């Protein structure tokens, strides 16, 4: 694995908001050196990212259930208005 900034623990990439999502820029911020840098730069204080953030499936399922409930409520309201 290359020791480039994009895979360093101290690097956080910048994103631009686009019409249909977010676009990752070719540069970001190095928190170790407190400066902006290109994602393909490297330095002697490289630290591999080892922490993997767990996906909280319970929270996601609850949010999806709430969304389905909201959609069904809106559907019922629209159907009642259509019948009137």
C-alpha atoms as a PDB file:
ATOM      1  CA  UNK A   1       0.000   0.000   0.000  1.00  0.00           C
ATOM      2  CA  UNK A   2       1.415   3.371  -0.997  1.00  0.00           C
ATOM      3  CA  UNK A   3       2.209   5.842   1.758  1.00  0.00           C
ATOM      4  CA  UNK A   4       0.230   8.662   0.201  1.00  0.00           C
ATOM      5  CA  UNK A   5      -1.817  11.215   2.099  1.00  0.00           C
ATOM      6  CA  UNK A   6      -5.203   9.873   1.000  1.00  0.00           C
ATOM      7  CA  UNK A   7      -4.611   6.722   3.073  1.00  0.00           C
ATOM      8  CA  UNK A   8      -3.066   8.514   6.082  1.00  0.00           C
ATOM      9  CA  UNK A   9      -4.920   8.807   9.390  1.00  0.00           C
ATOM     10  CA  UNK A  10      -4.117  12.528   9.658  1.00  0.00           C
ATOM     11  CA  UNK A  11      -5.560  13.396   6.224  1.00  0.00           C
ATOM     12  CA  UNK A  12      -9.161  14.514   5.693  1.00  0.00           C
ATOM     13  CA  UNK A  13     -10.260  15.081   2.105  1.00  0.00           C
ATOM     14  CA  UNK A  14     -12.298  18.052   0.958  1.00  0.00           C
ATOM     15  CA  UNK A  15     -15.625  17.505  -0.780  1.00  0.00           C
ATOM     16  CA  UNK A  16     -17.623  19.714  -3.132  1.00  0.00           C
ATOM     17  CA  UNK A  17     -21.383  19.545  -3.211  1.00  0.00           C
ATOM     18  CA  UNK A  18     -22.733  18.718  -6.667  1.00  0.00           C
ATOM     19  CA  UNK A  19     -26.226  18.332  -8.067  1.00  0.00           C
ATOM     20  CA  UNK A  20     -26.564  14.650  -7.191  1.00  0.00           C
ATOM     21  CA  UNK A  21     -24.116  14.163  -4.323  1.00  0.00           C
ATOM     22  CA  UNK A  22     -20.624  15.029  -3.200  1.00  0.00           C
ATOM     23  CA  UNK A  23     -17.398  15.044  -5.217  1.00  0.00           C
ATOM     24  CA  UNK A  24     -14.085  14.300  -3.486  1.00  0.00           C
ATOM     25  CA  UNK A  25     -11.482  16.912  -4.348  1.00  0.00           C
ATOM     26  CA  UNK A  26      -7.829  16.158  -5.167  1.00  0.00           C
ATOM     27  CA  UNK A  27      -6.638  17.861  -1.986  1.00  0.00           C
ATOM     28  CA  UNK A  28      -7.420  17.911   1.713  1.00  0.00           C
ATOM     29  CA  UNK A  29      -6.113  18.890   5.123  1.00  0.00           C
ATOM     30  CA  UNK A  30      -3.260  17.283   7.032  1.00  0.00           C
ATOM     31  CA  UNK A  31      -3.968  17.609  10.742  1.00  0.00           C
ATOM     32  CA  UNK A  32      -0.438  16.624  11.711  1.00  0.00           C
ATOM     33  CA  UNK A  33       1.222  19.444   9.733  1.00  0.00           C
ATOM     34  CA  UNK A  34      -1.806  21.777   9.942  1.00  0.00           C
ATOM     35  CA  UNK A  35      -1.778  22.557   6.203  1.00  0.00           C
ATOM     36  CA  UNK A  36      -3.521  21.802   2.933  1.00  0.00           C
ATOM     37  CA  UNK A  37      -1.949  19.078   0.814  1.00  0.00           C
ATOM     38  CA  UNK A  38      -2.530  17.049  -2.316  1.00  0.00           C
ATOM     39  CA  UNK A  39      -3.902  13.546  -1.764  1.00  0.00           C
ATOM     40  CA  UNK A  40      -0.898  11.989  -3.540  1.00  0.00           C
ATOM     41  CA  UNK A  41       1.753  13.707  -1.393  1.00  0.00           C
ATOM     42  CA  UNK A  42       3.637  11.789   1.273  1.00  0.00           C
ATOM     43  CA  UNK A  43       5.697  12.576   4.357  1.00  0.00           C
ATOM     44  CA  UNK A  44       7.770  10.902   7.053  1.00  0.00           C
ATOM     45  CA  UNK A  45       4.944  11.021   9.648  1.00  0.00           C
ATOM     46  CA  UNK A  46       2.577   8.782   7.705  1.00  0.00           C
ATOM     47  CA  UNK A  47       0.175   6.788   9.888  1.00  0.00           C
ATOM     48  CA  UNK A  48      -1.971   4.031   8.415  1.00  0.00           C
ATOM     49  CA  UNK A  49      -5.689   4.272   9.017  1.00  0.00           C
ATOM     50  CA  UNK A  50      -6.581   1.365  11.246  1.00  0.00           C
ATOM     51  CA  UNK A  51      -9.849   2.432  12.846  1.00  0.00           C
ATOM     52  CA  UNK A  52     -12.915   1.143  11.068  1.00  0.00           C
ATOM     53  CA  UNK A  53     -16.156   2.742  12.077  1.00  0.00           C
ATOM     54  CA  UNK A  54     -18.889   0.193  12.773  1.00  0.00           C
ATOM     55  CA  UNK A  55     -22.170   0.437  10.938  1.00  0.00           C
ATOM     56  CA  UNK A  56     -24.980   0.744  13.449  1.00  0.00           C
ATOM     57  CA  UNK A  57     -27.560  -1.455  11.749  1.00  0.00           C
ATOM     58  CA  UNK A  58     -30.170  -0.952  14.464  1.00  0.00           C
ATOM     59  CA  UNK A  59     -30.145   2.810  14.011  1.00  0.00           C
ATOM     60  CA  UNK A  60     -30.414   2.449  10.232  1.00  0.00           C
ATOM     61  CA  UNK A  61     -33.313  -0.002  10.495  1.00  0.00           C
ATOM     62  CA  UNK A  62     -35.167   2.288  12.914  1.00  0.00           C
ATOM     63  CA  UNK A  63     -34.694   5.273  10.607  1.00  0.00           C
ATOM     64  CA  UNK A  64     -35.966   3.250   7.625  1.00  0.00           C
ATOM     65  CA  UNK A  65     -39.006   2.098   9.621  1.00  0.00           C
ATOM     66  CA  UNK A  66     -39.781   5.715  10.541  1.00  0.00           C
ATOM     67  CA  UNK A  67     -39.451   6.738   6.892  1.00  0.00           C
ATOM     68  CA  UNK A  68     -41.817   3.966   5.766  1.00  0.00           C
ATOM     69  CA  UNK A  69     -44.333   5.016   8.424  1.00  0.00           C
ATOM     70  CA  UNK A  70     -44.145   8.650   7.277  1.00  0.00           C
ATOM     71  CA  UNK A  71     -44.604   7.650   3.636  1.00  0.00           C
ATOM     72  CA  UNK A  72     -47.622   5.477   4.485  1.00  0.00           C
ATOM     73  CA  UNK A  73     -49.159   8.338   6.470  1.00  0.00           C
ATOM     74  CA  UNK A  74     -48.782  10.695   3.518  1.00  0.00           C
ATOM     75  CA  UNK A  75     -50.194   8.032   1.192  1.00  0.00           C
ATOM     76  CA  UNK A  76     -53.267   7.598   3.412  1.00  0.00           C
ATOM     77  CA  UNK A  77     -53.860  11.353   3.577  1.00  0.00           C
ATOM     78  CA  UNK A  78     -53.656  11.668  -0.211  1.00  0.00           C
ATOM     79  CA  UNK A  79     -56.009   8.708  -0.724  1.00  0.00           C
ATOM     80  CA  UNK A  80     -58.574  10.203   1.671  1.00  0.00           C
ATOM     81  CA  UNK A  81     -58.438  13.538  -0.146  1.00  0.00           C
ATOM     82  CA  UNK A  82     -58.887  11.756  -3.463  1.00  0.00           C
ATOM     83  CA  UNK A  83     -62.040   9.980  -2.223  1.00  0.00           C
ATOM     84  CA  UNK A  84     -63.645  13.250  -1.053  1.00  0.00           C
END
